[in-house]
Amino acid sequence: VLPYYSSNAKIPSCRLERLPGYEVHLSWRTQKVSLYKGVYEGITFY
C-alpha cells in the first residue's frame, strides 16, 4: 500500500486499474480516496 504521488503516473512498467473510491474522516474533515491497483513483479500494489 503506497500513496499515489504525482510521480507514480510516470512509471510505464505497471498498468494501473482504477477502483471505486471511498471517504476518510479525519475528525471533522472528510477527504476522498482515489484508489488504484497494479501488479508488478508478482506483487499487488494499491
ModelCIF file with pLDDT and N, C-alpha, C, O atoms, coordinates in Angstrom:
data_MODEL
#
_entry.id   MODEL 
#
_entity.id                         1 
_entity.type                       polymer 
_entity.pdbx_number_of_molecules   1 
#
_entity_poly.entity_id                      1 
_entity_poly.type                           'polypeptide(L)' 
_entity_poly.nstd_linkage                   no 
_entity_poly.nstd_monomer                   no 
_entity_poly.pdbx_seq_one_letter_code       VLPYYSSNAKIPSCRLERLPGYEVHLSWRTQKVSLYKGVYEGITFY 
_entity_poly.pdbx_seq_one_letter_code_can   VLPYYSSNAKIPSCRLERLPGYEVHLSWRTQKVSLYKGVYEGITFY 
_entity_poly.pdbx_strand_id                 A 
#
loop_
_entity_poly_seq.entity_id 
_entity_poly_seq.num 
_entity_poly_seq.mon_id 
_entity_poly_seq.hetero 
1 1  VAL n 
1 2  LEU n 
1 3  PRO n 
1 4  TYR n 
1 5  TYR n 
1 6  SER n 
1 7  SER n 
1 8  ASN n 
1 9  ALA n 
1 10 LYS n 
1 11 ILE n 
1 12 PRO n 
1 13 SER n 
1 14 CYS n 
1 15 ARG n 
1 16 LEU n 
1 17 GLU n 
1 18 ARG n 
1 19 LEU n 
1 20 PRO n 
1 21 GLY n 
1 22 TYR n 
1 23 GLU n 
1 24 VAL n 
1 25 HIS n 
1 26 LEU n 
1 27 SER n 
1 28 TRP n 
1 29 ARG n 
1 30 THR n 
1 31 GLN n 
1 32 LYS n 
1 33 VAL n 
1 34 SER n 
1 35 LEU n 
1 36 TYR n 
1 37 LYS n 
1 38 GLY n 
1 39 VAL n 
1 40 TYR n 
1 41 GLU n 
1 42 GLY n 
1 43 ILE n 
1 44 THR n 
1 45 PHE n 
1 46 TYR n 
#
_struct_asym.id          A 
_struct_asym.entity_id   1 
#
loop_
_ma_qa_metric.id 
_ma_qa_metric.mode 
_ma_qa_metric.name 
_ma_qa_metric.software_group_id 
_ma_qa_metric.type 
1 global pLDDT . pLDDT 
2 local  pLDDT . pLDDT 
#
_ma_qa_metric_global.metric_id      1 
_ma_qa_metric_global.metric_value   89.87 
_ma_qa_metric_global.model_id       1 
_ma_qa_metric_global.ordinal_id     1 
#
loop_
_ma_qa_metric_local.label_asym_id 
_ma_qa_metric_local.label_comp_id 
_ma_qa_metric_local.label_seq_id 
_ma_qa_metric_local.metric_id 
_ma_qa_metric_local.metric_value 
_ma_qa_metric_local.model_id 
_ma_qa_metric_local.ordinal_id 
A VAL 1  2 98.00 1 1  
A LEU 2  2 97.00 1 2  
A PRO 3  2 97.00 1 3  
A TYR 4  2 95.00 1 4  
A TYR 5  2 94.00 1 5  
A SER 6  2 83.00 1 6  
A SER 7  2 73.00 1 7  
A ASN 8  2 69.00 1 8  
A ALA 9  2 60.00 1 9  
A LYS 10 2 61.00 1 10 
A ILE 11 2 64.00 1 11 
A PRO 12 2 61.00 1 12 
A SER 13 2 70.00 1 13 
A CYS 14 2 81.00 1 14 
A ARG 15 2 87.00 1 15 
A LEU 16 2 90.00 1 16 
A GLU 17 2 94.00 1 17 
A ARG 18 2 95.00 1 18 
A LEU 19 2 97.00 1 19 
A PRO 20 2 97.00 1 20 
A GLY 21 2 97.00 1 21 
A TYR 22 2 98.00 1 22 
A GLU 23 2 97.00 1 23 
A VAL 24 2 96.00 1 24 
A HIS 25 2 95.00 1 25 
A LEU 26 2 94.00 1 26 
A SER 27 2 89.00 1 27 
A TRP 28 2 88.00 1 28 
A ARG 29 2 89.00 1 29 
A THR 30 2 95.00 1 30 
A GLN 31 2 96.00 1 31 
A LYS 32 2 97.00 1 32 
A VAL 33 2 98.00 1 33 
A SER 34 2 97.00 1 34 
A LEU 35 2 97.00 1 35 
A TYR 36 2 96.00 1 36 
A LYS 37 2 96.00 1 37 
A GLY 38 2 94.00 1 38 
A VAL 39 2 95.00 1 39 
A TYR 40 2 94.00 1 40 
A GLU 41 2 92.00 1 41 
A GLY 42 2 94.00 1 42 
A ILE 43 2 96.00 1 43 
A THR 44 2 97.00 1 44 
A PHE 45 2 97.00 1 45 
A TYR 46 2 97.00 1 46 
#
loop_
_atom_site.group_PDB 
_atom_site.id 
_atom_site.type_symbol 
_atom_site.label_atom_id 
_atom_site.label_alt_id 
_atom_site.label_comp_id 
_atom_site.label_asym_id 
_atom_site.label_entity_id 
_atom_site.label_seq_id 
_atom_site.pdbx_PDB_ins_code 
_atom_site.Cartn_x 
_atom_site.Cartn_y 
_atom_site.Cartn_z 
_atom_site.occupancy 
_atom_site.B_iso_or_equiv 
_atom_site.pdbx_formal_charge 
_atom_site.auth_seq_id 
_atom_site.auth_comp_id 
_atom_site.auth_asym_id 
_atom_site.auth_atom_id 
_atom_site.pdbx_PDB_model_num 
ATOM 1   N N  . VAL A 1 1  ? 0.858   -1.187  0.000   1.00 98.00 ? 1  VAL A N  1 
ATOM 2   C CA . VAL A 1 1  ? 0.000   0.000   0.000   1.00 98.00 ? 1  VAL A CA 1 
ATOM 3   C C  . VAL A 1 1  ? 0.892   1.234   0.000   1.00 98.00 ? 1  VAL A C  1 
ATOM 4   O O  . VAL A 1 1  ? 1.737   1.402   0.879   1.00 98.00 ? 1  VAL A O  1 
ATOM 5   N N  . LEU A 1 2  ? 0.697   2.090   -0.989  1.00 97.00 ? 2  LEU A N  1 
ATOM 6   C CA . LEU A 1 2  ? 1.515   3.297   -1.173  1.00 97.00 ? 2  LEU A CA 1 
ATOM 7   C C  . LEU A 1 2  ? 0.626   4.507   -1.419  1.00 97.00 ? 2  LEU A C  1 
ATOM 8   O O  . LEU A 1 2  ? -0.513  4.354   -1.860  1.00 97.00 ? 2  LEU A O  1 
ATOM 9   N N  . PRO A 1 3  ? 1.131   5.715   -1.139  1.00 97.00 ? 3  PRO A N  1 
ATOM 10  C CA . PRO A 1 3  ? 0.444   6.907   -1.633  1.00 97.00 ? 3  PRO A CA 1 
ATOM 11  C C  . PRO A 1 3  ? 0.548   6.979   -3.161  1.00 97.00 ? 3  PRO A C  1 
ATOM 12  O O  . PRO A 1 3  ? 1.513   6.492   -3.750  1.00 97.00 ? 3  PRO A O  1 
ATOM 13  N N  . TYR A 1 4  ? -0.442  7.581   -3.782  1.00 95.00 ? 4  TYR A N  1 
ATOM 14  C CA . TYR A 1 4  ? -0.382  7.817   -5.215  1.00 95.00 ? 4  TYR A CA 1 
ATOM 15  C C  . TYR A 1 4  ? 0.147   9.240   -5.424  1.00 95.00 ? 4  TYR A C  1 
ATOM 16  O O  . TYR A 1 4  ? -0.613  10.205  -5.507  1.00 95.00 ? 4  TYR A O  1 
ATOM 17  N N  . TYR A 1 5  ? 1.473   9.331   -5.506  1.00 94.00 ? 5  TYR A N  1 
ATOM 18  C CA . TYR A 1 5  ? 2.111   10.626  -5.751  1.00 94.00 ? 5  TYR A CA 1 
ATOM 19  C C  . TYR A 1 5  ? 1.990   10.982  -7.227  1.00 94.00 ? 5  TYR A C  1 
ATOM 20  O O  . TYR A 1 5  ? 1.650   10.141  -8.060  1.00 94.00 ? 5  TYR A O  1 
ATOM 21  N N  . SER A 1 6  ? 2.269   12.223  -7.529  1.00 83.00 ? 6  SER A N  1 
ATOM 22  C CA . SER A 1 6  ? 2.248   12.648  -8.927  1.00 83.00 ? 6  SER A CA 1 
ATOM 23  C C  . SER A 1 6  ? 3.280   11.891  -9.747  1.00 83.00 ? 6  SER A C  1 
ATOM 24  O O  . SER A 1 6  ? 3.107   11.721  -10.953 1.00 83.00 ? 6  SER A O  1 
ATOM 25  N N  . SER A 1 7  ? 4.370   11.425  -9.097  1.00 73.00 ? 7  SER A N  1 
ATOM 26  C CA . SER A 1 7  ? 5.429   10.710  -9.818  1.00 73.00 ? 7  SER A CA 1 
ATOM 27  C C  . SER A 1 7  ? 4.984   9.322   -10.253 1.00 73.00 ? 7  SER A C  1 
ATOM 28  O O  . SER A 1 7  ? 5.575   8.757   -11.173 1.00 73.00 ? 7  SER A O  1 
ATOM 29  N N  . ASN A 1 8  ? 3.957   8.754   -9.620  1.00 69.00 ? 8  ASN A N  1 
ATOM 30  C CA . ASN A 1 8  ? 3.519   7.405   -9.978  1.00 69.00 ? 8  ASN A CA 1 
ATOM 31  C C  . ASN A 1 8  ? 3.094   7.300   -11.436 1.00 69.00 ? 8  ASN A C  1 
ATOM 32  O O  . ASN A 1 8  ? 3.321   6.278   -12.084 1.00 69.00 ? 8  ASN A O  1 
ATOM 33  N N  . ALA A 1 9  ? 2.492   8.333   -11.936 1.00 60.00 ? 9  ALA A N  1 
ATOM 34  C CA . ALA A 1 9  ? 1.972   8.300   -13.301 1.00 60.00 ? 9  ALA A CA 1 
ATOM 35  C C  . ALA A 1 9  ? 3.086   8.213   -14.349 1.00 60.00 ? 9  ALA A C  1 
ATOM 36  O O  . ALA A 1 9  ? 2.820   7.925   -15.516 1.00 60.00 ? 9  ALA A O  1 
ATOM 37  N N  . LYS A 1 10 ? 4.330   8.460   -13.936 1.00 61.00 ? 10 LYS A N  1 
ATOM 38  C CA . LYS A 1 10 ? 5.446   8.459   -14.880 1.00 61.00 ? 10 LYS A CA 1 
ATOM 39  C C  . LYS A 1 10 ? 6.065   7.076   -15.050 1.00 61.00 ? 10 LYS A C  1 
ATOM 40  O O  . LYS A 1 10 ? 6.992   6.908   -15.842 1.00 61.00 ? 10 LYS A O  1 
ATOM 41  N N  . ILE A 1 11 ? 5.563   6.081   -14.314 1.00 64.00 ? 11 ILE A N  1 
ATOM 42  C CA . ILE A 1 11 ? 6.123   4.739   -14.387 1.00 64.00 ? 11 ILE A CA 1 
ATOM 43  C C  . ILE A 1 11 ? 5.327   3.912   -15.396 1.00 64.00 ? 11 ILE A C  1 
ATOM 44  O O  . ILE A 1 11 ? 4.174   3.575   -15.129 1.00 64.00 ? 11 ILE A O  1 
ATOM 45  N N  . PRO A 1 12 ? 5.915   3.575   -16.551 1.00 61.00 ? 12 PRO A N  1 
ATOM 46  C CA . PRO A 1 12 ? 5.164   2.863   -17.595 1.00 61.00 ? 12 PRO A CA 1 
ATOM 47  C C  . PRO A 1 12 ? 5.130   1.353   -17.396 1.00 61.00 ? 12 PRO A C  1 
ATOM 48  O O  . PRO A 1 12 ? 4.441   0.658   -18.143 1.00 61.00 ? 12 PRO A O  1 
ATOM 49  N N  . SER A 1 13 ? 5.858   0.823   -16.406 1.00 70.00 ? 13 SER A N  1 
ATOM 50  C CA . SER A 1 13 ? 6.040   -0.629  -16.293 1.00 70.00 ? 13 SER A CA 1 
ATOM 51  C C  . SER A 1 13 ? 4.883   -1.336  -15.608 1.00 70.00 ? 13 SER A C  1 
ATOM 52  O O  . SER A 1 13 ? 4.906   -2.559  -15.471 1.00 70.00 ? 13 SER A O  1 
ATOM 53  N N  . CYS A 1 14 ? 3.875   -0.595  -15.177 1.00 81.00 ? 14 CYS A N  1 
ATOM 54  C CA . CYS A 1 14 ? 2.772   -1.213  -14.446 1.00 81.00 ? 14 CYS A CA 1 
ATOM 55  C C  . CYS A 1 14 ? 1.465   -0.514  -14.827 1.00 81.00 ? 14 CYS A C  1 
ATOM 56  O O  . CYS A 1 14 ? 1.284   0.676   -14.568 1.00 81.00 ? 14 CYS A O  1 
ATOM 57  N N  . ARG A 1 15 ? 0.564   -1.272  -15.444 1.00 87.00 ? 15 ARG A N  1 
ATOM 58  C CA . ARG A 1 15 ? -0.731  -0.701  -15.808 1.00 87.00 ? 15 ARG A CA 1 
ATOM 59  C C  . ARG A 1 15 ? -1.614  -0.631  -14.577 1.00 87.00 ? 15 ARG A C  1 
ATOM 60  O O  . ARG A 1 15 ? -1.785  -1.622  -13.866 1.00 87.00 ? 15 ARG A O  1 
ATOM 61  N N  . LEU A 1 16 ? -2.179  0.557   -14.327 1.00 90.00 ? 16 LEU A N  1 
ATOM 62  C CA . LEU A 1 16 ? -2.987  0.763   -13.134 1.00 90.00 ? 16 LEU A CA 1 
ATOM 63  C C  . LEU A 1 16 ? -4.469  0.729   -13.468 1.00 90.00 ? 16 LEU A C  1 
ATOM 64  O O  . LEU A 1 16 ? -4.917  1.301   -14.461 1.00 90.00 ? 16 LEU A O  1 
ATOM 65  N N  . GLU A 1 17 ? -5.210  0.049   -12.621 1.00 94.00 ? 17 GLU A N  1 
ATOM 66  C CA . GLU A 1 17 ? -6.664  -0.034  -12.729 1.00 94.00 ? 17 GLU A CA 1 
ATOM 67  C C  . GLU A 1 17 ? -7.285  0.834   -11.645 1.00 94.00 ? 17 GLU A C  1 
ATOM 68  O O  . GLU A 1 17 ? -6.908  0.735   -10.477 1.00 94.00 ? 17 GLU A O  1 
ATOM 69  N N  . ARG A 1 18 ? -8.217  1.671   -12.017 1.00 95.00 ? 18 ARG A N  1 
ATOM 70  C CA . ARG A 1 18 ? -8.883  2.499   -11.023 1.00 95.00 ? 18 ARG A CA 1 
ATOM 71  C C  . ARG A 1 18 ? -10.028 1.722   -10.375 1.00 95.00 ? 18 ARG A C  1 
ATOM 72  O O  . ARG A 1 18 ? -10.887 1.167   -11.060 1.00 95.00 ? 18 ARG A O  1 
ATOM 73  N N  . LEU A 1 19 ? -10.022 1.696   -9.037  1.00 97.00 ? 19 LEU A N  1 
ATOM 74  C CA . LEU A 1 19 ? -11.038 1.006   -8.262  1.00 97.00 ? 19 LEU A CA 1 
ATOM 75  C C  . LEU A 1 19 ? -12.006 2.024   -7.658  1.00 97.00 ? 19 LEU A C  1 
ATOM 76  O O  . LEU A 1 19 ? -11.703 3.217   -7.631  1.00 97.00 ? 19 LEU A O  1 
ATOM 77  N N  . PRO A 1 20 ? -13.159 1.576   -7.175  1.00 97.00 ? 20 PRO A N  1 
ATOM 78  C CA . PRO A 1 20 ? -14.079 2.516   -6.528  1.00 97.00 ? 20 PRO A CA 1 
ATOM 79  C C  . PRO A 1 20 ? -13.417 3.232   -5.347  1.00 97.00 ? 20 PRO A C  1 
ATOM 80  O O  . PRO A 1 20 ? -12.710 2.621   -4.545  1.00 97.00 ? 20 PRO A O  1 
ATOM 81  N N  . GLY A 1 21 ? -13.660 4.522   -5.262  1.00 97.00 ? 21 GLY A N  1 
ATOM 82  C CA . GLY A 1 21 ? -13.086 5.307   -4.183  1.00 97.00 ? 21 GLY A CA 1 
ATOM 83  C C  . GLY A 1 21 ? -13.934 5.242   -2.923  1.00 97.00 ? 21 GLY A C  1 
ATOM 84  O O  . GLY A 1 21 ? -14.988 4.606   -2.893  1.00 97.00 ? 21 GLY A O  1 
ATOM 85  N N  . TYR A 1 22 ? -13.456 5.906   -1.895  1.00 98.00 ? 22 TYR A N  1 
ATOM 86  C CA . TYR A 1 22 ? -14.186 5.960   -0.636  1.00 98.00 ? 22 TYR A CA 1 
ATOM 87  C C  . TYR A 1 22 ? -13.747 7.191   0.142   1.00 98.00 ? 22 TYR A C  1 
ATOM 88  O O  . TYR A 1 22 ? -12.891 7.951   -0.311  1.00 98.00 ? 22 TYR A O  1 
ATOM 89  N N  . GLU A 1 23 ? -14.330 7.378   1.299   1.00 97.00 ? 23 GLU A N  1 
ATOM 90  C CA . GLU A 1 23 ? -14.031 8.571   2.091   1.00 97.00 ? 23 GLU A CA 1 
ATOM 91  C C  . GLU A 1 23 ? -13.306 8.211   3.383   1.00 97.00 ? 23 GLU A C  1 
ATOM 92  O O  . GLU A 1 23 ? -13.491 7.132   3.947   1.00 97.00 ? 23 GLU A O  1 
ATOM 93  N N  . VAL A 1 24 ? -12.479 9.145   3.830   1.00 96.00 ? 24 VAL A N  1 
ATOM 94  C CA . VAL A 1 24 ? -11.759 9.026   5.097   1.00 96.00 ? 24 VAL A CA 1 
ATOM 95  C C  . VAL A 1 24 ? -12.127 10.224  5.956   1.00 96.00 ? 24 VAL A C  1 
ATOM 96  O O  . VAL A 1 24 ? -12.187 11.355  5.473   1.00 96.00 ? 24 VAL A O  1 
ATOM 97  N N  . HIS A 1 25 ? -12.373 9.964   7.242   1.00 95.00 ? 25 HIS A N  1 
ATOM 98  C CA . HIS A 1 25 ? -12.767 11.039  8.154   1.00 95.00 ? 25 HIS A CA 1 
ATOM 99  C C  . HIS A 1 25 ? -11.629 11.318  9.138   1.00 95.00 ? 25 HIS A C  1 
ATOM 100 O O  . HIS A 1 25 ? -11.270 10.471  9.956   1.00 95.00 ? 25 HIS A O  1 
ATOM 101 N N  . LEU A 1 26 ? -11.081 12.510  9.038   1.00 94.00 ? 26 LEU A N  1 
ATOM 102 C CA . LEU A 1 26 ? -10.091 12.984  9.993   1.00 94.00 ? 26 LEU A CA 1 
ATOM 103 C C  . LEU A 1 26 ? -10.811 13.945  10.931  1.00 94.00 ? 26 LEU A C  1 
ATOM 104 O O  . LEU A 1 26 ? -10.859 15.151  10.692  1.00 94.00 ? 26 LEU A O  1 
ATOM 105 N N  . SER A 1 27 ? -11.366 13.390  11.996  1.00 89.00 ? 27 SER A N  1 
ATOM 106 C CA . SER A 1 27 ? -12.191 14.173  12.910  1.00 89.00 ? 27 SER A CA 1 
ATOM 107 C C  . SER A 1 27 ? -13.340 14.796  12.115  1.00 89.00 ? 27 SER A C  1 
ATOM 108 O O  . SER A 1 27 ? -14.174 14.072  11.571  1.00 89.00 ? 27 SER A O  1 
ATOM 109 N N  . TRP A 1 28 ? -13.393 16.119  12.041  1.00 88.00 ? 28 TRP A N  1 
ATOM 110 C CA . TRP A 1 28 ? -14.492 16.795  11.370  1.00 88.00 ? 28 TRP A CA 1 
ATOM 111 C C  . TRP A 1 28 ? -14.288 16.929  9.869   1.00 88.00 ? 28 TRP A C  1 
ATOM 112 O O  . TRP A 1 28 ? -15.203 17.356  9.165   1.00 88.00 ? 28 TRP A O  1 
ATOM 113 N N  . ARG A 1 29 ? -13.094 16.570  9.354   1.00 89.00 ? 29 ARG A N  1 
ATOM 114 C CA . ARG A 1 29 ? -12.819 16.699  7.915   1.00 89.00 ? 29 ARG A CA 1 
ATOM 115 C C  . ARG A 1 29 ? -13.105 15.386  7.194   1.00 89.00 ? 29 ARG A C  1 
ATOM 116 O O  . ARG A 1 29 ? -12.862 14.301  7.722   1.00 89.00 ? 29 ARG A O  1 
ATOM 117 N N  . THR A 1 30 ? -13.611 15.509  6.012   1.00 95.00 ? 30 THR A N  1 
ATOM 118 C CA . THR A 1 30 ? -13.830 14.345  5.161   1.00 95.00 ? 30 THR A CA 1 
ATOM 119 C C  . THR A 1 30 ? -13.002 14.520  3.890   1.00 95.00 ? 30 THR A C  1 
ATOM 120 O O  . THR A 1 30 ? -13.103 15.534  3.199   1.00 95.00 ? 30 THR A O  1 
ATOM 121 N N  . GLN A 1 31 ? -12.184 13.513  3.598   1.00 96.00 ? 31 GLN A N  1 
ATOM 122 C CA . GLN A 1 31 ? -11.353 13.545  2.397   1.00 96.00 ? 31 GLN A CA 1 
ATOM 123 C C  . GLN A 1 31 ? -11.618 12.305  1.565   1.00 96.00 ? 31 GLN A C  1 
ATOM 124 O O  . GLN A 1 31 ? -11.810 11.217  2.107   1.00 96.00 ? 31 GLN A O  1 
ATOM 125 N N  . LYS A 1 32 ? -11.630 12.468  0.251   1.00 97.00 ? 32 LYS A N  1 
ATOM 126 C CA . LYS A 1 32 ? -11.912 11.365  -0.648  1.00 97.00 ? 32 LYS A CA 1 
ATOM 127 C C  . LYS A 1 32 ? -10.633 10.626  -1.027  1.00 97.00 ? 32 LYS A C  1 
ATOM 128 O O  . LYS A 1 32 ? -9.577  11.230  -1.219  1.00 97.00 ? 32 LYS A O  1 
ATOM 129 N N  . VAL A 1 33 ? -10.754 9.306   -1.128  1.00 98.00 ? 33 VAL A N  1 
ATOM 130 C CA . VAL A 1 33 ? -9.657  8.441   -1.542  1.00 98.00 ? 33 VAL A CA 1 
ATOM 131 C C  . VAL A 1 33 ? -9.898  7.983   -2.977  1.00 98.00 ? 33 VAL A C  1 
ATOM 132 O O  . VAL A 1 33 ? -10.938 7.398   -3.282  1.00 98.00 ? 33 VAL A O  1 
ATOM 133 N N  . SER A 1 34 ? -8.941  8.250   -3.848  1.00 97.00 ? 34 SER A N  1 
ATOM 134 C CA . SER A 1 34 ? -8.922  7.643   -5.178  1.00 97.00 ? 34 SER A CA 1 
ATOM 135 C C  . SER A 1 34 ? -8.025  6.417   -5.081  1.00 97.00 ? 34 SER A C  1 
ATOM 136 O O  . SER A 1 34 ? -6.884  6.518   -4.630  1.00 97.00 ? 34 SER A O  1 
ATOM 137 N N  . LEU A 1 35 ? -8.522  5.276   -5.496  1.00 97.00 ? 35 LEU A N  1 
ATOM 138 C CA . LEU A 1 35 ? -7.792  4.023   -5.295  1.00 97.00 ? 35 LEU A CA 1 
ATOM 139 C C  . LEU A 1 35 ? -7.412  3.395   -6.631  1.00 97.00 ? 35 LEU A C  1 
ATOM 140 O O  . LEU A 1 35 ? -8.230  3.289   -7.545  1.00 97.00 ? 35 LEU A O  1 
ATOM 141 N N  . TYR A 1 36 ? -6.157  2.985   -6.720  1.00 96.00 ? 36 TYR A N  1 
ATOM 142 C CA . TYR A 1 36 ? -5.638  2.370   -7.936  1.00 96.00 ? 36 TYR A CA 1 
ATOM 143 C C  . TYR A 1 36 ? -4.966  1.041   -7.579  1.00 96.00 ? 36 TYR A C  1 
ATOM 144 O O  . TYR A 1 36 ? -4.433  0.865   -6.483  1.00 96.00 ? 36 TYR A O  1 
ATOM 145 N N  . LYS A 1 37 ? -5.008  0.121   -8.532  1.00 96.00 ? 37 LYS A N  1 
ATOM 146 C CA . LYS A 1 37 ? -4.410  -1.196  -8.333  1.00 96.00 ? 37 LYS A CA 1 
ATOM 147 C C  . LYS A 1 37 ? -3.521  -1.542  -9.520  1.00 96.00 ? 37 LYS A C  1 
ATOM 148 O O  . LYS A 1 37 ? -3.856  -1.255  -10.669 1.00 96.00 ? 37 LYS A O  1 
ATOM 149 N N  . GLY A 1 38 ? -2.389  -2.157  -9.226  1.00 94.00 ? 38 GLY A N  1 
ATOM 150 C CA . GLY A 1 38 ? -1.495  -2.620  -10.280 1.00 94.00 ? 38 GLY A CA 1 
ATOM 151 C C  . GLY A 1 38 ? -0.698  -3.810  -9.797  1.00 94.00 ? 38 GLY A C  1 
ATOM 152 O O  . GLY A 1 38 ? -0.514  -3.992  -8.593  1.00 94.00 ? 38 GLY A O  1 
ATOM 153 N N  . VAL A 1 39 ? -0.222  -4.624  -10.729 1.00 95.00 ? 39 VAL A N  1 
ATOM 154 C CA . VAL A 1 39 ? 0.606   -5.780  -10.388 1.00 95.00 ? 39 VAL A CA 1 
ATOM 155 C C  . VAL A 1 39 ? 1.970   -5.593  -11.029 1.00 95.00 ? 39 VAL A C  1 
ATOM 156 O O  . VAL A 1 39 ? 2.081   -5.340  -12.229 1.00 95.00 ? 39 VAL A O  1 
ATOM 157 N N  . TYR A 1 40 ? 3.002   -5.721  -10.214 1.00 94.00 ? 40 TYR A N  1 
ATOM 158 C CA . TYR A 1 40 ? 4.376   -5.537  -10.691 1.00 94.00 ? 40 TYR A CA 1 
ATOM 159 C C  . TYR A 1 40 ? 5.253   -6.608  -10.049 1.00 94.00 ? 40 TYR A C  1 
ATOM 160 O O  . TYR A 1 40 ? 5.335   -6.702  -8.824  1.00 94.00 ? 40 TYR A O  1 
ATOM 161 N N  . GLU A 1 41 ? 5.904   -7.411  -10.883 1.00 92.00 ? 41 GLU A N  1 
ATOM 162 C CA . GLU A 1 41 ? 6.804   -8.480  -10.431 1.00 92.00 ? 41 GLU A CA 1 
ATOM 163 C C  . GLU A 1 41 ? 6.134   -9.402  -9.413  1.00 92.00 ? 41 GLU A C  1 
ATOM 164 O O  . GLU A 1 41 ? 6.757   -9.827  -8.439  1.00 92.00 ? 41 GLU A O  1 
ATOM 165 N N  . GLY A 1 42 ? 4.861   -9.704  -9.651  1.00 94.00 ? 42 GLY A N  1 
ATOM 166 C CA . GLY A 1 42 ? 4.135   -10.628 -8.800  1.00 94.00 ? 42 GLY A CA 1 
ATOM 167 C C  . GLY A 1 42 ? 3.548   -10.024 -7.542  1.00 94.00 ? 42 GLY A C  1 
ATOM 168 O O  . GLY A 1 42 ? 2.865   -10.712 -6.783  1.00 94.00 ? 42 GLY A O  1 
ATOM 169 N N  . ILE A 1 43 ? 3.803   -8.752  -7.315  1.00 96.00 ? 43 ILE A N  1 
ATOM 170 C CA . ILE A 1 43 ? 3.317   -8.040  -6.128  1.00 96.00 ? 43 ILE A CA 1 
ATOM 171 C C  . ILE A 1 43 ? 2.113   -7.207  -6.535  1.00 96.00 ? 43 ILE A C  1 
ATOM 172 O O  . ILE A 1 43 ? 2.136   -6.533  -7.565  1.00 96.00 ? 43 ILE A O  1 
ATOM 173 N N  . THR A 1 44 ? 1.058   -7.253  -5.725  1.00 97.00 ? 44 THR A N  1 
ATOM 174 C CA . THR A 1 44 ? -0.103  -6.400  -5.982  1.00 97.00 ? 44 THR A CA 1 
ATOM 175 C C  . THR A 1 44 ? 0.062   -5.093  -5.230  1.00 97.00 ? 44 THR A C  1 
ATOM 176 O O  . THR A 1 44 ? 0.246   -5.078  -4.013  1.00 97.00 ? 44 THR A O  1 
ATOM 177 N N  . PHE A 1 45 ? -0.004  -4.005  -5.965  1.00 97.00 ? 45 PHE A N  1 
ATOM 178 C CA . PHE A 1 45 ? 0.144   -2.672  -5.377  1.00 97.00 ? 45 PHE A CA 1 
ATOM 179 C C  . PHE A 1 45 ? -1.216  -1.974  -5.324  1.00 97.00 ? 45 PHE A C  1 
ATOM 180 O O  . PHE A 1 45 ? -2.002  -2.041  -6.270  1.00 97.00 ? 45 PHE A O  1 
ATOM 181 N N  . TYR A 1 46 ? -1.472  -1.311  -4.210  1.00 97.00 ? 46 TYR A N  1 
ATOM 182 C CA . TYR A 1 46 ? -2.643  -0.446  -4.064  1.00 97.00 ? 46 TYR A CA 1 
ATOM 183 C C  . TYR A 1 46 ? -2.148  0.961   -3.769  1.00 97.00 ? 46 TYR A C  1 
ATOM 184 O O  . TYR A 1 46 ? -2.953  1.877   -3.604  1.00 97.00 ? 46 TYR A O  1 
#
